[in-house]
Amino acid sequence: MHQTVAPETLAAPRGAVAERVAASAAELVALSHAIHADPELSWQEHRAAARIAGLLEAAGFDVTLGAYDTPTAVEAVIGDGDLTVAICAEYDALPGVGHACGHNMIAASGVGAALALAPVASELGLRVKLLGTPAEEHGGGKVEMLTRGAWEDVDFSLMVHGATGPDRSAAGFQSTAVDRFEIEFTGVTAHAAGAPQAGVNAGAAATLALTAIGLLRQHLPVECNLNAFVSDGGEATNIIAGRAVVQVEVRAYDLDVWRQVKRRVLSCFDGAAIATGCSWESRPTEHPYAPLAPDVALAAVWDRNMADVGREIITGELMGGGSTDMGNVSQVVPSIHPMMSFLGEDAVPHNPAFTAAAVTPAADQAVLDAATVLALTVVDVATDPSLRADLLDRTARRPAGATRITIEA
């Protein structure tokens, strides 16, 4: 394990934020472990949100638990400068496998960065906003909060995600857009033996639709991904199902491709309805996620600070494949969503091995390094006259309400 950068090697206020992270190390690791040991699913993260709110309130932040009419969201603000940064903290877990995406590390590092920036906010003309954002795994807490104005006063936003393997450039992380929805077929229920001619089989429509989607995959761009399953297809073998429901998700890196693929997927359901005589309707089940659009200038600052804390990064390689609601934020506010590796661990996210990796010494080190690099990056942005002016200008030119959007497929 490498050693985190010594605060005395950095110029003030960079040294001050690194020193504050080092002084808070035990508290931050304890927060990470507490959230990990008490996993809560999307929209149910009451205890994690309360832990974060209590810690930041004790540190002098103006804290709102249940911010933006979202019960498990947190807003904690300190400073009154003209430049506002939003640091995101996620803390929802996955069903069955707990913190197999390492959101405990995300939460602790975001809190650590906010704590580190608090003493220097006034000096930097900075307003620090920690946003605890629920339901990243399923539901889209950031999208919900965007529509309610959480980023309306923000000039730039950032967060960090845990990973394994080598560290990579912040500009190299990409995510897909994803749209999750359900299709309901409505037919006519009938006795499967006594009066099959009276039935209109919704279950058959679901089967035809999934077959059509399977055949469609051959003709889609390689970077697209389709998944679907029947969540309700009937209740008994002697009853022709008058209702069937299919859960669907569509992913692509490009927004235009994403929308085109969804239209083709919906045509599969339309064709199945025509073939069986059913009617059908589509309903969203979650907020759509947009692809991540990292800000190049912010990414470059992050990369430099990774080197300052002794992290070697690989440049020129793209990393990704999943989706995040931070993509929606990045479409409307300059943002980055880099990765911080649990060095020496090799588990793949979303399985029990990653759950175990998320509280190893390597993960604890990642919490501290990530908090430090987040804080250093904010300091550097605030003290770079050109970058600061550019961010403030972009905010000034942004129409009122421009962040309050949901990006549709």
Protein backbone atom coordinates (compact mmCIF):
# COMPACT_ATOMS: atom_id res chain seq x y z
CA MET A 1 0.00 0.00 0.00
CA HIS A 2 1.33 3.44 -0.89
CA GLN A 3 1.43 6.32 1.56
CA THR A 4 -1.01 9.21 1.20
CA VAL A 5 0.69 12.50 0.38
CA ALA A 6 2.10 14.33 3.37
CA PRO A 7 0.25 17.66 3.90
CA GLU A 8 3.49 19.57 4.44
CA THR A 9 4.56 18.83 0.86
CA LEU A 10 1.64 20.86 -0.51
CA ALA A 11 1.17 24.60 -0.62
CA ALA A 12 -1.64 26.13 1.47
CA PRO A 13 -4.63 25.79 1.18
CA ARG A 14 -3.91 22.47 -0.54
CA GLY A 15 -1.90 21.43 2.48
CA ALA A 16 -4.77 22.40 4.75
CA VAL A 17 -7.28 20.13 3.03
CA ALA A 18 -4.88 17.19 2.91
CA GLU A 19 -4.16 17.71 6.60
CA ARG A 20 -7.89 17.74 7.42
CA VAL A 21 -8.46 14.45 5.59
CA ALA A 22 -5.55 12.88 7.46
CA ALA A 23 -6.94 14.16 10.77
CA SER A 24 -10.39 12.74 9.92
CA ALA A 25 -9.10 9.37 8.71
CA ALA A 26 -10.48 7.27 11.56
CA GLU A 27 -13.87 9.00 11.37
CA LEU A 28 -14.14 8.53 7.60
CA VAL A 29 -13.17 4.87 7.66
CA ALA A 30 -15.64 4.31 10.50
CA LEU A 31 -18.40 5.93 8.42
CA SER A 32 -17.54 3.73 5.43
CA HIS A 33 -17.62 0.59 7.56
CA ALA A 34 -20.85 1.57 9.33
CA ILE A 35 -22.71 2.11 6.07
CA HIS A 36 -21.26 -1.12 4.68
CA ALA A 37 -22.39 -3.12 7.72
CA ASP A 38 -25.93 -1.72 7.51
CA PRO A 39 -26.93 -1.94 3.83
CA GLU A 40 -30.14 -0.21 2.75
CA LEU A 41 -31.75 -0.47 -0.67
CA SER A 42 -32.66 2.39 -3.01
CA TRP A 43 -35.05 4.98 -1.52
CA GLN A 44 -34.74 3.26 1.89
CA GLU A 45 -31.34 4.62 3.03
CA HIS A 46 -32.63 6.35 6.16
CA ARG A 47 -29.82 5.32 8.52
CA ALA A 48 -27.01 6.08 6.05
CA ALA A 49 -28.49 9.50 5.32
CA ALA A 50 -28.85 10.22 9.05
CA ARG A 51 -25.23 9.22 9.72
CA ILE A 52 -23.99 11.61 7.04
CA ALA A 53 -26.30 14.44 8.10
CA GLY A 54 -25.30 14.12 11.75
CA LEU A 55 -21.58 14.13 11.03
CA LEU A 56 -21.74 17.22 8.81
CA GLU A 57 -24.10 19.09 11.12
CA ALA A 58 -21.63 18.56 13.97
CA ALA A 59 -18.94 20.06 11.72
CA GLY A 60 -20.91 23.29 11.24
CA PHE A 61 -22.66 22.63 7.93
CA ASP A 62 -26.21 23.84 7.31
CA VAL A 63 -27.85 20.42 6.89
CA THR A 64 -31.21 19.38 5.47
CA LEU A 65 -32.21 15.73 5.82
CA GLY A 66 -34.92 14.89 3.32
CA ALA A 67 -33.73 17.63 0.98
CA TYR A 68 -35.64 18.46 -2.21
CA ASP A 69 -38.71 16.54 -1.02
CA THR A 70 -36.68 13.33 -1.22
CA PRO A 71 -36.81 11.56 2.17
CA THR A 72 -33.36 9.95 2.06
CA ALA A 73 -31.52 12.83 0.36
CA VAL A 74 -29.10 15.08 2.23
CA GLU A 75 -27.97 18.63 1.53
CA ALA A 76 -25.15 20.06 3.63
CA VAL A 77 -23.83 23.53 2.78
CA ILE A 78 -20.98 25.65 4.10
CA GLY A 79 -19.42 28.86 2.77
CA ASP A 80 -20.95 31.77 0.88
CA GLY A 81 -18.58 32.35 -2.04
CA ASP A 82 -19.68 33.02 -5.61
CA LEU A 83 -18.39 29.62 -6.85
CA THR A 84 -20.50 26.60 -5.82
CA VAL A 85 -19.35 23.00 -6.00
CA ALA A 86 -21.65 20.03 -5.45
CA ILE A 87 -19.90 16.91 -4.14
CA CYS A 88 -22.08 13.82 -4.47
CA ALA A 89 -22.31 11.00 -1.94
CA GLU A 90 -24.13 7.77 -2.79
CA TYR A 91 -25.08 5.18 -0.16
CA ASP A 92 -27.68 2.73 -1.48
CA ALA A 93 -26.91 -0.98 -1.55
CA LEU A 94 -27.87 -3.84 -3.87
CA PRO A 95 -30.48 -6.53 -3.15
CA GLY A 96 -28.92 -9.70 -1.82
CA VAL A 97 -25.27 -8.63 -2.03
CA GLY A 98 -25.23 -5.42 0.01
CA HIS A 99 -22.54 -2.89 -0.86
CA ALA A 100 -21.23 -4.78 -3.88
CA CYS A 101 -20.81 -1.47 -5.71
CA GLY A 102 -18.88 0.18 -2.88
CA HIS A 103 -21.25 3.05 -2.21
CA ASN A 104 -20.04 3.07 1.37
CA MET A 105 -16.70 4.26 0.00
CA ILE A 106 -18.40 6.88 -2.19
CA ALA A 107 -20.28 8.31 0.79
CA ALA A 108 -17.26 8.45 3.09
CA SER A 109 -14.96 10.02 0.51
CA GLY A 110 -17.52 12.68 -0.41
CA VAL A 111 -18.04 13.54 3.25
CA GLY A 112 -14.28 13.61 3.75
CA ALA A 113 -13.81 16.07 0.91
CA ALA A 114 -16.56 18.34 2.23
CA LEU A 115 -15.05 18.32 5.73
CA ALA A 116 -11.63 19.13 4.30
CA LEU A 117 -12.90 22.06 2.28
CA ALA A 118 -14.93 23.64 5.08
CA PRO A 119 -12.04 25.49 6.80
CA VAL A 120 -10.76 26.99 3.53
CA ALA A 121 -14.10 27.76 1.85
CA SER A 122 -14.13 31.41 2.88
CA GLU A 123 -10.53 31.92 1.79
CA LEU A 124 -11.33 30.39 -1.61
CA GLY A 125 -14.57 32.27 -2.20
CA LEU A 126 -16.24 28.90 -2.28
CA ARG A 127 -19.64 27.52 -1.38
CA VAL A 128 -19.44 23.79 -0.70
CA LYS A 129 -22.59 21.70 -1.13
CA LEU A 130 -22.52 18.01 -0.19
CA LEU A 131 -25.45 16.26 -1.84
CA GLY A 132 -26.37 12.85 -0.48
CA THR A 133 -28.07 11.25 -3.47
CA PRO A 134 -30.19 8.13 -2.90
CA ALA A 135 -31.22 5.35 -5.25
CA GLU A 136 -28.37 5.34 -7.76
CA GLU A 137 -28.64 1.57 -8.26
CA HIS A 138 -32.34 1.63 -9.08
CA GLY A 139 -34.54 4.70 -9.27
CA GLY A 140 -32.37 7.69 -10.12
CA GLY A 141 -32.14 9.83 -7.02
CA LYS A 142 -29.99 12.40 -8.79
CA VAL A 143 -32.58 12.73 -11.56
CA GLU A 144 -35.30 13.26 -8.97
CA MET A 145 -33.17 15.89 -7.25
CA LEU A 146 -32.22 17.56 -10.53
CA THR A 147 -35.87 18.10 -11.41
CA ARG A 148 -36.36 19.71 -8.01
CA GLY A 149 -33.48 22.18 -8.40
CA ALA A 150 -30.60 20.60 -6.46
CA TRP A 151 -28.02 21.63 -9.10
CA GLU A 152 -29.66 24.88 -10.19
CA ASP A 153 -27.16 26.99 -8.20
CA VAL A 154 -24.12 24.76 -8.86
CA ASP A 155 -21.13 25.69 -11.03
CA PHE A 156 -19.48 22.27 -11.12
CA SER A 157 -20.01 18.85 -9.59
CA LEU A 158 -17.91 15.80 -8.86
CA MET A 159 -17.82 12.47 -7.07
CA VAL A 160 -15.69 9.34 -7.09
CA HIS A 161 -16.53 5.65 -7.42
CA GLY A 162 -14.63 2.65 -6.12
CA ALA A 163 -13.09 0.16 -8.55
CA THR A 164 -10.50 -2.58 -8.89
CA GLY A 165 -7.61 -2.86 -11.31
CA PRO A 166 -5.42 0.10 -12.26
CA ASP A 167 -6.42 3.72 -11.75
CA ARG A 168 -7.49 5.47 -14.94
CA SER A 169 -7.91 9.02 -16.16
CA ALA A 170 -11.10 10.80 -15.12
CA ALA A 171 -11.69 11.53 -18.80
CA GLY A 172 -11.63 7.80 -19.57
CA PHE A 173 -14.69 6.73 -17.62
CA GLN A 174 -17.83 6.32 -19.70
CA SER A 175 -21.31 5.07 -18.92
CA THR A 176 -24.29 4.07 -20.97
CA ALA A 177 -27.68 5.69 -21.10
CA VAL A 178 -30.28 3.31 -19.73
CA ASP A 179 -34.07 3.34 -19.93
CA ARG A 180 -36.07 0.91 -17.79
CA PHE A 181 -39.75 0.40 -18.49
CA GLU A 182 -42.45 -2.24 -18.47
CA ILE A 183 -44.86 -3.40 -21.14
CA GLU A 184 -48.30 -4.68 -20.22
CA PHE A 185 -50.18 -6.85 -22.69
CA THR A 186 -53.94 -7.17 -22.22
CA GLY A 187 -55.80 -10.07 -23.78
CA VAL A 188 -58.83 -12.13 -22.78
CA THR A 189 -58.77 -14.74 -20.03
CA ALA A 190 -60.38 -18.07 -20.89
CA HIS A 191 -60.37 -21.76 -19.90
CA ALA A 192 -57.40 -23.30 -21.69
CA ALA A 193 -59.23 -26.60 -22.34
CA GLY A 194 -62.90 -25.73 -22.20
CA ALA A 195 -62.93 -22.59 -24.33
CA PRO A 196 -59.48 -21.84 -25.78
CA GLN A 197 -61.08 -20.19 -28.80
CA ALA A 198 -62.44 -17.48 -26.50
CA GLY A 199 -59.04 -16.50 -25.19
CA VAL A 200 -56.58 -13.86 -26.35
CA ASN A 201 -53.24 -14.97 -24.95
CA ALA A 202 -51.21 -12.17 -23.39
CA GLY A 203 -48.56 -14.69 -22.36
CA ALA A 204 -48.10 -15.62 -26.02
CA ALA A 205 -47.65 -11.94 -26.85
CA ALA A 206 -44.87 -11.68 -24.24
CA THR A 207 -43.17 -14.77 -25.69
CA LEU A 208 -43.33 -13.38 -29.22
CA ALA A 209 -41.96 -10.03 -28.08
CA LEU A 210 -38.97 -11.57 -26.33
CA THR A 211 -38.27 -13.72 -29.37
CA ALA A 212 -38.38 -10.64 -31.60
CA ILE A 213 -35.99 -8.80 -29.27
CA GLY A 214 -33.60 -11.75 -29.42
CA LEU A 215 -33.63 -11.62 -33.22
CA LEU A 216 -33.23 -7.83 -33.18
CA ARG A 217 -29.95 -8.04 -31.25
CA GLN A 218 -28.10 -9.24 -34.36
CA HIS A 219 -28.83 -5.94 -36.08
CA LEU A 220 -27.90 -3.49 -33.33
CA PRO A 221 -24.60 -1.63 -32.80
CA VAL A 222 -22.24 -3.73 -30.71
CA GLU A 223 -22.16 -1.24 -27.85
CA CYS A 224 -25.93 -1.53 -27.27
CA ASN A 225 -27.41 -3.79 -24.65
CA LEU A 226 -30.97 -5.10 -24.26
CA ASN A 227 -32.38 -7.06 -21.34
CA ALA A 228 -35.93 -8.19 -20.65
CA PHE A 229 -37.88 -10.72 -18.61
CA VAL A 230 -41.52 -11.66 -18.02
CA SER A 231 -42.51 -10.53 -14.53
CA ASP A 232 -46.15 -11.63 -14.86
CA GLY A 233 -47.10 -14.24 -17.43
CA GLY A 234 -50.07 -16.11 -16.01
CA GLU A 235 -51.24 -17.95 -12.93
CA ALA A 236 -52.26 -21.49 -13.91
CA THR A 237 -51.81 -23.91 -16.80
CA ASN A 238 -55.55 -24.19 -17.39
CA ILE A 239 -56.10 -20.45 -17.69
CA ILE A 240 -55.18 -18.53 -20.81
CA ALA A 241 -53.42 -15.45 -19.47
CA GLY A 242 -55.36 -12.27 -20.10
CA ARG A 243 -52.49 -10.18 -18.75
CA ALA A 244 -48.72 -10.32 -19.11
CA VAL A 245 -46.02 -7.85 -18.03
CA VAL A 246 -42.47 -7.63 -19.38
CA GLN A 247 -39.66 -5.67 -17.71
CA VAL A 248 -37.21 -4.11 -20.18
CA GLU A 249 -34.01 -2.07 -20.20
CA VAL A 250 -32.26 -0.49 -23.17
CA ARG A 251 -28.65 0.75 -22.96
CA ALA A 252 -26.37 2.61 -25.38
CA TYR A 253 -23.48 5.07 -25.11
CA ASP A 254 -24.92 7.50 -27.66
CA LEU A 255 -28.20 9.30 -26.97
CA ASP A 256 -29.41 9.17 -30.58
CA VAL A 257 -28.60 5.45 -30.88
CA TRP A 258 -30.32 4.84 -27.54
CA ARG A 259 -33.51 6.49 -28.73
CA GLN A 260 -33.46 4.68 -32.05
CA VAL A 261 -32.97 1.30 -30.35
CA LYS A 262 -35.87 1.95 -27.98
CA ARG A 263 -38.15 2.69 -30.94
CA ARG A 264 -37.15 -0.64 -32.51
CA VAL A 265 -37.71 -2.48 -29.25
CA LEU A 266 -41.18 -0.99 -28.91
CA SER A 267 -41.93 -2.18 -32.44
CA CYS A 268 -41.26 -5.74 -31.22
CA PHE A 269 -44.02 -5.35 -28.66
CA ASP A 270 -46.35 -3.72 -31.17
CA GLY A 271 -45.82 -6.60 -33.59
CA ALA A 272 -46.45 -9.17 -30.87
CA ALA A 273 -49.69 -7.42 -29.94
CA ILE A 274 -50.87 -7.40 -33.55
CA ALA A 275 -49.99 -11.09 -34.01
CA THR A 276 -51.93 -12.18 -30.92
CA GLY A 277 -54.77 -9.68 -30.91
CA CYS A 278 -53.73 -8.11 -27.60
CA SER A 279 -53.56 -4.47 -26.70
CA TRP A 280 -50.44 -3.09 -25.02
CA GLU A 281 -49.03 -0.11 -23.18
CA SER A 282 -45.61 1.02 -22.02
CA ARG A 283 -44.85 2.56 -18.61
CA PRO A 284 -41.57 3.87 -17.17
CA THR A 285 -40.39 2.08 -14.03
CA GLU A 286 -37.43 4.35 -13.22
CA HIS A 287 -35.96 7.64 -14.33
CA PRO A 288 -33.88 7.23 -17.51
CA TYR A 289 -30.11 7.66 -17.03
CA ALA A 290 -28.09 9.69 -19.53
CA PRO A 291 -24.52 8.81 -20.58
CA LEU A 292 -21.68 10.39 -18.66
CA ALA A 293 -20.04 13.42 -20.29
CA PRO A 294 -16.87 14.17 -18.27
CA ASP A 295 -15.66 17.75 -18.36
CA VAL A 296 -12.18 17.63 -19.92
CA ALA A 297 -10.75 20.54 -17.92
CA LEU A 298 -11.97 19.16 -14.59
CA ALA A 299 -10.69 15.69 -15.54
CA ALA A 300 -7.21 17.08 -16.16
CA VAL A 301 -7.14 18.68 -12.71
CA TRP A 302 -8.24 15.40 -11.13
CA ASP A 303 -5.53 13.45 -12.97
CA ARG A 304 -2.80 15.80 -11.76
CA ASN A 305 -3.94 15.41 -8.18
CA MET A 306 -4.01 11.64 -8.48
CA ALA A 307 -0.27 11.87 -9.17
CA ASP A 308 0.15 14.18 -6.16
CA VAL A 309 -1.21 11.52 -3.79
CA GLY A 310 1.00 8.83 -5.33
CA ARG A 311 -1.54 7.23 -7.66
CA GLU A 312 -0.41 6.13 -11.11
CA ILE A 313 -3.11 6.46 -13.75
CA ILE A 314 -3.50 4.88 -17.15
CA THR A 315 -4.47 7.36 -19.85
CA GLY A 316 -5.91 6.74 -23.29
CA GLU A 317 -8.08 3.80 -22.20
CA LEU A 318 -11.85 3.91 -21.80
CA MET A 319 -13.52 2.19 -18.88
CA GLY A 320 -17.22 1.64 -18.33
CA GLY A 321 -20.18 -0.45 -19.33
CA GLY A 322 -22.65 0.31 -16.57
CA SER A 323 -24.90 3.30 -16.05
CA THR A 324 -25.12 6.06 -13.46
CA ASP A 325 -27.52 8.91 -12.77
CA MET A 326 -24.42 11.12 -12.49
CA GLY A 327 -24.64 11.03 -16.28
CA ASN A 328 -27.74 13.21 -16.07
CA VAL A 329 -25.91 15.72 -13.91
CA SER A 330 -22.97 15.80 -16.33
CA GLN A 331 -25.27 16.67 -19.23
CA VAL A 332 -26.27 19.97 -17.62
CA VAL A 333 -23.45 20.92 -15.17
CA PRO A 334 -19.66 20.55 -15.72
CA SER A 335 -18.89 17.30 -13.91
CA ILE A 336 -16.56 14.37 -13.44
CA HIS A 337 -17.17 10.85 -12.09
CA PRO A 338 -13.71 9.26 -11.84
CA MET A 339 -12.79 5.91 -10.32
CA MET A 340 -10.49 5.18 -7.37
CA SER A 341 -9.10 1.67 -7.25
CA PHE A 342 -8.93 -0.65 -4.27
CA LEU A 343 -5.34 -1.40 -5.19
CA GLY A 344 -4.48 -5.08 -5.07
CA GLU A 345 -8.12 -6.24 -5.10
CA ASP A 346 -9.51 -7.87 -8.25
CA ALA A 347 -13.22 -8.44 -7.53
CA VAL A 348 -15.80 -7.44 -10.13
CA PRO A 349 -18.56 -5.07 -8.93
CA HIS A 350 -22.07 -6.33 -8.22
CA ASN A 351 -21.02 -9.65 -6.73
CA PRO A 352 -20.25 -10.79 -3.16
CA ALA A 353 -16.47 -10.62 -3.68
CA PHE A 354 -16.69 -6.87 -4.28
CA THR A 355 -18.83 -6.49 -1.16
CA ALA A 356 -15.95 -7.98 0.82
CA ALA A 357 -13.38 -5.85 -1.04
CA ALA A 358 -15.22 -2.63 -0.15
CA VAL A 359 -14.06 -2.78 3.50
CA THR A 360 -10.51 -4.04 3.01
CA PRO A 361 -7.48 -1.92 3.93
CA ALA A 362 -7.19 -1.14 0.22
CA ALA A 363 -10.72 0.25 0.20
CA ASP A 364 -10.04 2.25 3.36
CA GLN A 365 -6.99 3.76 1.67
CA ALA A 366 -9.13 4.54 -1.36
CA VAL A 367 -11.58 6.43 0.86
CA LEU A 368 -8.79 8.68 2.16
CA ASP A 369 -7.09 9.14 -1.21
CA ALA A 370 -10.40 9.89 -2.89
CA ALA A 371 -11.39 12.45 -0.24
CA THR A 372 -8.00 14.12 -0.63
CA VAL A 373 -8.07 14.21 -4.44
CA LEU A 374 -11.67 15.47 -4.48
CA ALA A 375 -10.74 18.30 -2.11
CA LEU A 376 -7.49 19.15 -3.91
CA THR A 377 -9.33 19.25 -7.23
CA VAL A 378 -11.88 21.70 -5.86
CA VAL A 379 -9.10 23.87 -4.42
CA ASP A 380 -7.28 23.92 -7.76
CA VAL A 381 -10.43 24.83 -9.67
CA ALA A 382 -11.24 27.62 -7.22
CA THR A 383 -7.71 29.07 -7.45
CA ASP A 384 -7.32 28.82 -11.24
CA PRO A 385 -8.52 32.22 -12.53
CA SER A 386 -9.18 31.00 -16.05
CA LEU A 387 -11.02 27.82 -15.10
CA ARG A 388 -12.99 29.58 -12.38
CA ALA A 389 -14.05 32.34 -14.75
CA ASP A 390 -15.07 29.82 -17.38
CA LEU A 391 -17.26 27.86 -14.95
CA LEU A 392 -18.92 31.01 -13.64
CA ASP A 393 -19.51 32.20 -17.20
CA ARG A 394 -21.10 28.88 -18.17
CA THR A 395 -23.44 29.14 -15.20
CA ALA A 396 -24.33 32.74 -16.07
CA ARG A 397 -25.21 31.68 -19.63
CA ARG A 398 -27.25 28.69 -18.49
CA PRO A 399 -30.97 29.47 -18.76
CA ALA A 400 -32.96 29.39 -15.55
CA GLY A 401 -34.34 25.93 -14.96
CA ALA A 402 -31.94 24.31 -17.43
CA THR A 403 -30.78 21.73 -14.87
CA ARG A 404 -34.34 20.65 -14.00
CA ILE A 405 -34.61 18.09 -16.77
CA THR A 406 -35.27 14.42 -17.33
CA ILE A 407 -33.56 13.09 -20.43
CA GLU A 408 -35.96 10.75 -22.24
CA ALA A 409 -35.25 7.88 -24.59
